[in-house]
């Protein structure tokens, strides 16, 4: 469902808060970013409800790439 989030701080902090509010207390355990010819690749290892896994995402900037990787991790671990 769609949700509007109003938060101060970084986009990553806002996403963390929104996920927590929706019942997804995601914890980032490891975080790596690499520049590529197409933008920034982000790799995250996360934990959600005792399950751990890796996810990755690409975007033009670091913050967007991180948020996308977080979403990918929730999708992977919540399913």
PDB file of N, CA and C in Angstrom:
ATOM      1  N   UNK A   1       0.833  -1.185   0.000  1.00  0.00           N
ATOM      2  CA  UNK A   1       0.000   0.000   0.000  1.00  0.00           C
ATOM      3  C   UNK A   1       0.876   1.246   0.000  1.00  0.00           C
ATOM      4  N   UNK A   2       0.315   2.357  -0.387  1.00  0.00           N
ATOM      5  CA  UNK A   2       1.059   3.615  -0.416  1.00  0.00           C
ATOM      6  C   UNK A   2       1.085   4.234   0.968  1.00  0.00           C
ATOM      7  N   UNK A   3       2.194   4.884   1.265  1.00  0.00           N
ATOM      8  CA  UNK A   3       2.351   5.524   2.572  1.00  0.00           C
ATOM      9  C   UNK A   3       3.193   6.773   2.396  1.00  0.00           C
ATOM     10  N   UNK A   4       2.787   7.851   3.032  1.00  0.00           N
ATOM     11  CA  UNK A   4       3.568   9.076   3.049  1.00  0.00           C
ATOM     12  C   UNK A   4       4.315   9.147   4.368  1.00  0.00           C
ATOM     13  N   UNK A   5       5.619   9.397   4.276  1.00  0.00           N
ATOM     14  CA  UNK A   5       6.458   9.464   5.476  1.00  0.00           C
ATOM     15  C   UNK A   5       7.056  10.847   5.560  1.00  0.00           C
ATOM     16  N   UNK A   6       6.940  11.450   6.716  1.00  0.00           N
ATOM     17  CA  UNK A   6       7.584  12.728   6.975  1.00  0.00           C
ATOM     18  C   UNK A   6       8.629  12.477   8.053  1.00  0.00           C
ATOM     19  N   UNK A   7       9.887  12.701   7.679  1.00  0.00           N
ATOM     20  CA  UNK A   7      10.972  12.417   8.612  1.00  0.00           C
ATOM     21  C   UNK A   7      12.107  13.402   8.380  1.00  0.00           C
ATOM     22  N   UNK A   8      12.870  13.626   9.421  1.00  0.00           N
ATOM     23  CA  UNK A   8      14.066  14.450   9.282  1.00  0.00           C
ATOM     24  C   UNK A   8      15.262  13.525   9.185  1.00  0.00           C
ATOM     25  N   UNK A   9      16.316  14.033   8.620  1.00  0.00           N
ATOM     26  CA  UNK A   9      17.520  13.221   8.473  1.00  0.00           C
ATOM     27  C   UNK A   9      17.640  12.692   7.061  1.00  0.00           C
ATOM     28  N   UNK A  10      18.377  11.630   6.932  1.00  0.00           N
ATOM     29  CA  UNK A  10      18.685  11.072   5.621  1.00  0.00           C
ATOM     30  C   UNK A  10      17.529  10.237   5.072  1.00  0.00           C
ATOM     31  N   UNK A  11      17.532   9.989   3.763  1.00  0.00           N
ATOM     32  CA  UNK A  11      16.531   9.083   3.185  1.00  0.00           C
ATOM     33  C   UNK A  11      16.603   7.680   3.788  1.00  0.00           C
ATOM     34  N   UNK A  12      17.795   7.233   4.147  1.00  0.00           N
ATOM     35  CA  UNK A  12      17.954   5.915   4.754  1.00  0.00           C
ATOM     36  C   UNK A  12      17.286   5.881   6.132  1.00  0.00           C
ATOM     37  N   UNK A  13      17.447   6.937   6.910  1.00  0.00           N
ATOM     38  CA  UNK A  13      16.793   7.013   8.222  1.00  0.00           C
ATOM     39  C   UNK A  13      15.272   7.032   8.064  1.00  0.00           C
ATOM     40  N   UNK A  14      14.782   7.752   7.071  1.00  0.00           N
ATOM     41  CA  UNK A  14      13.341   7.808   6.818  1.00  0.00           C
ATOM     42  C   UNK A  14      12.816   6.429   6.420  1.00  0.00           C
ATOM     43  N   UNK A  15      13.550   5.725   5.568  1.00  0.00           N
ATOM     44  CA  UNK A  15      13.122   4.386   5.153  1.00  0.00           C
ATOM     45  C   UNK A  15      13.145   3.420   6.326  1.00  0.00           C
ATOM     46  N   UNK A  16      14.178   3.496   7.156  1.00  0.00           N
ATOM     47  CA  UNK A  16      14.261   2.640   8.337  1.00  0.00           C
ATOM     48  C   UNK A  16      13.062   2.874   9.247  1.00  0.00           C
ATOM     49  N   UNK A  17      12.707   4.131   9.465  1.00  0.00           N
ATOM     50  CA  UNK A  17      11.566   4.480  10.305  1.00  0.00           C
ATOM     51  C   UNK A  17      10.255   3.983   9.702  1.00  0.00           C
ATOM     52  N   UNK A  18      10.084   4.182   8.399  1.00  0.00           N
ATOM     53  CA  UNK A  18       8.850   3.747   7.737  1.00  0.00           C
ATOM     54  C   UNK A  18       8.707   2.224   7.792  1.00  0.00           C
ATOM     55  N   UNK A  19       9.796   1.508   7.549  1.00  0.00           N
ATOM     56  CA  UNK A  19       9.742   0.053   7.614  1.00  0.00           C
ATOM     57  C   UNK A  19       9.397  -0.420   9.022  1.00  0.00           C
ATOM     58  N   UNK A  20       9.992   0.189  10.023  1.00  0.00           N
ATOM     59  CA  UNK A  20       9.706  -0.168  11.413  1.00  0.00           C
ATOM     60  C   UNK A  20       8.229   0.072  11.728  1.00  0.00           C
ATOM     61  N   UNK A  21       7.712   1.226  11.303  1.00  0.00           N
ATOM     62  CA  UNK A  21       6.304   1.560  11.552  1.00  0.00           C
ATOM     63  C   UNK A  21       5.353   0.569  10.890  1.00  0.00           C
ATOM     64  N   UNK A  22       5.776  -0.045   9.788  1.00  0.00           N
ATOM     65  CA  UNK A  22       4.946  -1.017   9.070  1.00  0.00           C
ATOM     66  C   UNK A  22       5.150  -2.450   9.562  1.00  0.00           C
ATOM     67  N   UNK A  23       5.983  -2.618  10.605  1.00  0.00           N
ATOM     68  CA  UNK A  23       6.179  -3.943  11.176  1.00  0.00           C
ATOM     69  C   UNK A  23       7.369  -4.702  10.618  1.00  0.00           C
ATOM     70  N   UNK A  24       8.301  -3.981   9.996  1.00  0.00           N
ATOM     71  CA  UNK A  24       9.503  -4.591   9.440  1.00  0.00           C
ATOM     72  C   UNK A  24      10.743  -3.973  10.093  1.00  0.00           C
ATOM     73  N   UNK A  25      11.109  -4.443  11.292  1.00  0.00           N
ATOM     74  CA  UNK A  25      12.276  -3.879  11.990  1.00  0.00           C
ATOM     75  C   UNK A  25      13.592  -4.374  11.369  1.00  0.00           C
ATOM     76  N   UNK A  26      13.920  -3.826  10.227  1.00  0.00           N
ATOM     77  CA  UNK A  26      15.094  -4.249   9.463  1.00  0.00           C
ATOM     78  C   UNK A  26      16.366  -3.710  10.101  1.00  0.00           C
ATOM     79  N   UNK A  27      17.344  -4.583  10.249  1.00  0.00           N
ATOM     80  CA  UNK A  27      18.652  -4.174  10.755  1.00  0.00           C
ATOM     81  C   UNK A  27      19.691  -4.450   9.677  1.00  0.00           C
ATOM     82  N   UNK A  28      20.476  -3.440   9.329  1.00  0.00           N
ATOM     83  CA  UNK A  28      21.547  -3.606   8.353  1.00  0.00           C
ATOM     84  C   UNK A  28      22.791  -4.087   9.093  1.00  0.00           C
ATOM     85  N   UNK A  29      23.275  -5.267   8.710  1.00  0.00           N
ATOM     86  CA  UNK A  29      24.434  -5.866   9.358  1.00  0.00           C
ATOM     87  C   UNK A  29      25.732  -5.537   8.626  1.00  0.00           C
ATOM     88  N   UNK A  30      25.686  -5.531   7.303  1.00  0.00           N
ATOM     89  CA  UNK A  30      26.852  -5.177   6.494  1.00  0.00           C
ATOM     90  C   UNK A  30      26.375  -4.317   5.331  1.00  0.00           C
ATOM     91  N   UNK A  31      27.262  -3.419   4.912  1.00  0.00           N
ATOM     92  CA  UNK A  31      26.894  -2.436   3.896  1.00  0.00           C
ATOM     93  C   UNK A  31      28.112  -2.155   3.021  1.00  0.00           C
ATOM     94  N   UNK A  32      27.937  -2.275   1.713  1.00  0.00           N
ATOM     95  CA  UNK A  32      29.021  -1.980   0.779  1.00  0.00           C
ATOM     96  C   UNK A  32      28.454  -1.217  -0.418  1.00  0.00           C
ATOM     97  N   UNK A  33      29.180  -0.211  -0.880  1.00  0.00           N
ATOM     98  CA  UNK A  33      28.798   0.509  -2.093  1.00  0.00           C
ATOM     99  C   UNK A  33      29.981   0.561  -3.039  1.00  0.00           C
ATOM    100  N   UNK A  34      29.670   0.469  -4.331  1.00  0.00           N
ATOM    101  CA  UNK A  34      30.684   0.536  -5.376  1.00  0.00           C
ATOM    102  C   UNK A  34      30.172   1.401  -6.520  1.00  0.00           C
ATOM    103  N   UNK A  35      31.003   2.318  -6.984  1.00  0.00           N
ATOM    104  CA  UNK A  35      30.617   3.067  -8.184  1.00  0.00           C
ATOM    105  C   UNK A  35      30.739   2.151  -9.406  1.00  0.00           C
ATOM    106  N   UNK A  36      29.822   2.303 -10.328  1.00  0.00           N
ATOM    107  CA  UNK A  36      29.854   1.552 -11.584  1.00  0.00           C
ATOM    108  C   UNK A  36      29.676   2.546 -12.726  1.00  0.00           C
ATOM    109  N   UNK A  37      29.764   2.066 -13.927  1.00  0.00           N
ATOM    110  CA  UNK A  37      29.550   2.929 -15.096  1.00  0.00           C
ATOM    111  C   UNK A  37      28.116   3.449 -15.150  1.00  0.00           C
ATOM    112  N   UNK A  38      27.180   2.729 -14.507  1.00  0.00           N
ATOM    113  CA  UNK A  38      25.766   3.109 -14.540  1.00  0.00           C
ATOM    114  C   UNK A  38      25.281   3.815 -13.283  1.00  0.00           C
ATOM    115  N   UNK A  39      26.115   3.997 -12.283  1.00  0.00           N
ATOM    116  CA  UNK A  39      25.696   4.640 -11.041  1.00  0.00           C
ATOM    117  C   UNK A  39      26.377   4.020  -9.842  1.00  0.00           C
ATOM    118  N   UNK A  40      25.603   3.806  -8.790  1.00  0.00           N
ATOM    119  CA  UNK A  40      26.115   3.245  -7.540  1.00  0.00           C
ATOM    120  C   UNK A  40      25.432   1.905  -7.273  1.00  0.00           C
ATOM    121  N   UNK A  41      26.229   0.902  -7.003  1.00  0.00           N
ATOM    122  CA  UNK A  41      25.706  -0.407  -6.597  1.00  0.00           C
ATOM    123  C   UNK A  41      25.820  -0.506  -5.082  1.00  0.00           C
ATOM    124  N   UNK A  42      24.740  -0.892  -4.440  1.00  0.00           N
ATOM    125  CA  UNK A  42      24.728  -1.073  -2.988  1.00  0.00           C
ATOM    126  C   UNK A  42      24.418  -2.522  -2.667  1.00  0.00           C
ATOM    127  N   UNK A  43      25.187  -3.093  -1.747  1.00  0.00           N
ATOM    128  CA  UNK A  43      24.998  -4.457  -1.270  1.00  0.00           C
ATOM    129  C   UNK A  43      24.785  -4.387   0.231  1.00  0.00           C
ATOM    130  N   UNK A  44      23.712  -5.002   0.722  1.00  0.00           N
ATOM    131  CA  UNK A  44      23.428  -4.986   2.159  1.00  0.00           C
ATOM    132  C   UNK A  44      23.133  -6.392   2.645  1.00  0.00           C
ATOM    133  N   UNK A  45      23.650  -6.696   3.823  1.00  0.00           N
ATOM    134  CA  UNK A  45      23.226  -7.891   4.536  1.00  0.00           C
ATOM    135  C   UNK A  45      22.341  -7.394   5.662  1.00  0.00           C
ATOM    136  N   UNK A  46      21.143  -7.940   5.728  1.00  0.00           N
ATOM    137  CA  UNK A  46      20.169  -7.465   6.707  1.00  0.00           C
ATOM    138  C   UNK A  46      19.639  -8.614   7.543  1.00  0.00           C
ATOM    139  N   UNK A  47      19.052  -8.233   8.666  1.00  0.00           N
ATOM    140  CA  UNK A  47      18.340  -9.187   9.508  1.00  0.00           C
ATOM    141  C   UNK A  47      16.938  -8.668   9.738  1.00  0.00           C
ATOM    142  N   UNK A  48      15.971  -9.575   9.619  1.00  0.00           N
ATOM    143  CA  UNK A  48      14.568  -9.250   9.855  1.00  0.00           C
ATOM    144  C   UNK A  48      13.922 -10.439  10.551  1.00  0.00           C
ATOM    145  N   UNK A  49      13.476 -10.237  11.755  1.00  0.00           N
ATOM    146  CA  UNK A  49      12.816 -11.298  12.527  1.00  0.00           C
ATOM    147  C   UNK A  49      13.642 -12.578  12.604  1.00  0.00           C
ATOM    148  N   UNK A  50      14.955 -12.421  12.815  1.00  0.00           N
ATOM    149  CA  UNK A  50      15.826 -13.573  12.979  1.00  0.00           C
ATOM    150  C   UNK A  50      16.328 -14.190  11.686  1.00  0.00           C
ATOM    151  N   UNK A  51      15.859 -13.704  10.557  1.00  0.00           N
ATOM    152  CA  UNK A  51      16.325 -14.203   9.257  1.00  0.00           C
ATOM    153  C   UNK A  51      17.356 -13.231   8.696  1.00  0.00           C
ATOM    154  N   UNK A  52      18.402 -13.774   8.086  1.00  0.00           N
ATOM    155  CA  UNK A  52      19.449 -12.943   7.495  1.00  0.00           C
ATOM    156  C   UNK A  52      19.558 -13.228   6.005  1.00  0.00           C
ATOM    157  N   UNK A  53      19.923 -12.179   5.260  1.00  0.00           N
ATOM    158  CA  UNK A  53      20.132 -12.364   3.835  1.00  0.00           C
ATOM    159  C   UNK A  53      20.764 -11.138   3.214  1.00  0.00           C
ATOM    160  N   UNK A  54      21.229 -11.325   1.985  1.00  0.00           N
ATOM    161  CA  UNK A  54      21.852 -10.250   1.220  1.00  0.00           C
ATOM    162  C   UNK A  54      20.907  -9.764   0.139  1.00  0.00           C
ATOM    163  N   UNK A  55      21.019  -8.487  -0.199  1.00  0.00           N
ATOM    164  CA  UNK A  55      20.287  -7.919  -1.329  1.00  0.00           C
ATOM    165  C   UNK A  55      21.162  -6.836  -1.947  1.00  0.00           C
ATOM    166  N   UNK A  56      20.857  -6.491  -3.175  1.00  0.00           N
ATOM    167  CA  UNK A  56      21.629  -5.476  -3.891  1.00  0.00           C
ATOM    168  C   UNK A  56      20.690  -4.620  -4.719  1.00  0.00           C
ATOM    169  N   UNK A  57      21.157  -3.422  -5.044  1.00  0.00           N
ATOM    170  CA  UNK A  57      20.384  -2.523  -5.895  1.00  0.00           C
ATOM    171  C   UNK A  57      21.316  -1.541  -6.575  1.00  0.00           C
ATOM    172  N   UNK A  58      20.834  -0.984  -7.679  1.00  0.00           N
ATOM    173  CA  UNK A  58      21.571   0.028  -8.445  1.00  0.00           C
ATOM    174  C   UNK A  58      20.708   1.282  -8.561  1.00  0.00           C
ATOM    175  N   UNK A  59      21.365   2.431  -8.557  1.00  0.00           N
ATOM    176  CA  UNK A  59      20.680   3.700  -8.796  1.00  0.00           C
ATOM    177  C   UNK A  59      21.739   4.743  -9.137  1.00  0.00           C
ATOM    178  N   UNK A  60      21.279   5.897  -9.556  1.00  0.00           N
ATOM    179  CA  UNK A  60      22.201   6.975  -9.925  1.00  0.00           C
ATOM    180  C   UNK A  60      22.983   7.492  -8.724  1.00  0.00           C
ATOM    181  N   UNK A  61      22.344   7.539  -7.550  1.00  0.00           N
ATOM    182  CA  UNK A  61      22.992   8.069  -6.352  1.00  0.00           C
ATOM    183  C   UNK A  61      23.035   7.054  -5.226  1.00  0.00           C
ATOM    184  N   UNK A  62      23.879   7.338  -4.239  1.00  0.00           N
ATOM    185  CA  UNK A  62      24.068   6.425  -3.125  1.00  0.00           C
ATOM    186  C   UNK A  62      22.855   6.244  -2.241  1.00  0.00           C
ATOM    187  N   UNK A  63      22.151   7.332  -1.926  1.00  0.00           N
ATOM    188  CA  UNK A  63      20.990   7.225  -1.042  1.00  0.00           C
ATOM    189  C   UNK A  63      19.878   6.408  -1.690  1.00  0.00           C
ATOM    190  N   UNK A  64      19.596   6.685  -2.962  1.00  0.00           N
ATOM    191  CA  UNK A  64      18.541   5.933  -3.650  1.00  0.00           C
ATOM    192  C   UNK A  64      18.920   4.464  -3.784  1.00  0.00           C
ATOM    193  N   UNK A  65      20.170   4.193  -4.085  1.00  0.00           N
ATOM    194  CA  UNK A  65      20.634   2.820  -4.193  1.00  0.00           C
ATOM    195  C   UNK A  65      20.488   2.088  -2.862  1.00  0.00           C
ATOM    196  N   UNK A  66      20.797   2.753  -1.769  1.00  0.00           N
ATOM    197  CA  UNK A  66      20.670   2.143  -0.445  1.00  0.00           C
ATOM    198  C   UNK A  66      19.220   1.841  -0.110  1.00  0.00           C
ATOM    199  N   UNK A  67      18.328   2.805  -0.355  1.00  0.00           N
ATOM    200  CA  UNK A  67      16.904   2.599  -0.077  1.00  0.00           C
ATOM    201  C   UNK A  67      16.367   1.436  -0.905  1.00  0.00           C
ATOM    202  N   UNK A  68      16.763   1.374  -2.168  1.00  0.00           N
ATOM    203  CA  UNK A  68      16.312   0.264  -3.024  1.00  0.00           C
ATOM    204  C   UNK A  68      16.839  -1.080  -2.514  1.00  0.00           C
ATOM    205  N   UNK A  69      18.064  -1.113  -2.041  1.00  0.00           N
ATOM    206  CA  UNK A  69      18.626  -2.353  -1.500  1.00  0.00           C
ATOM    207  C   UNK A  69      17.893  -2.770  -0.222  1.00  0.00           C
ATOM    208  N   UNK A  70      17.523  -1.804   0.599  1.00  0.00           N
ATOM    209  CA  UNK A  70      16.756  -2.102   1.808  1.00  0.00           C
ATOM    210  C   UNK A  70      15.407  -2.728   1.458  1.00  0.00           C
ATOM    211  N   UNK A  71      14.733  -2.157   0.477  1.00  0.00           N
ATOM    212  CA  UNK A  71      13.447  -2.695   0.034  1.00  0.00           C
ATOM    213  C   UNK A  71      13.619  -4.117  -0.490  1.00  0.00           C
ATOM    214  N   UNK A  72      14.670  -4.326  -1.276  1.00  0.00           N
ATOM    215  CA  UNK A  72      14.946  -5.670  -1.805  1.00  0.00           C
ATOM    216  C   UNK A  72      15.189  -6.663  -0.684  1.00  0.00           C
ATOM    217  N   UNK A  73      15.852  -6.228   0.370  1.00  0.00           N
ATOM    218  CA  UNK A  73      16.129  -7.106   1.506  1.00  0.00           C
ATOM    219  C   UNK A  73      14.831  -7.460   2.243  1.00  0.00           C
ATOM    220  N   UNK A  74      13.967  -6.491   2.449  1.00  0.00           N
ATOM    221  CA  UNK A  74      12.688  -6.776   3.107  1.00  0.00           C
ATOM    222  C   UNK A  74      11.889  -7.757   2.274  1.00  0.00           C
ATOM    223  N   UNK A  75      11.827  -7.554   0.984  1.00  0.00           N
ATOM    224  CA  UNK A  75      11.089  -8.468   0.113  1.00  0.00           C
ATOM    225  C   UNK A  75      11.647  -9.891   0.199  1.00  0.00           C
ATOM    226  N   UNK A  76      12.958  -9.985   0.262  1.00  0.00           N
ATOM    227  CA  UNK A  76      13.598 -11.292   0.312  1.00  0.00           C
ATOM    228  C   UNK A  76      13.334 -11.997   1.646  1.00  0.00           C
ATOM    229  N   UNK A  77      13.413 -11.258   2.747  1.00  0.00           N
ATOM    230  CA  UNK A  77      13.331 -11.859   4.071  1.00  0.00           C
ATOM    231  C   UNK A  77      11.912 -11.994   4.612  1.00  0.00           C
ATOM    232  N   UNK A  78      10.996 -11.155   4.166  1.00  0.00           N
ATOM    233  CA  UNK A  78       9.633 -11.173   4.699  1.00  0.00           C
ATOM    234  C   UNK A  78       8.768 -12.231   4.013  1.00  0.00           C
ATOM    235  N   UNK A  79       9.211 -12.697   2.866  1.00  0.00           N
ATOM    236  CA  UNK A  79       8.385 -13.639   2.085  1.00  0.00           C
ATOM    237  C   UNK A  79       8.388 -15.043   2.561  1.00  0.00           C
TER     238      UNK A  79
END
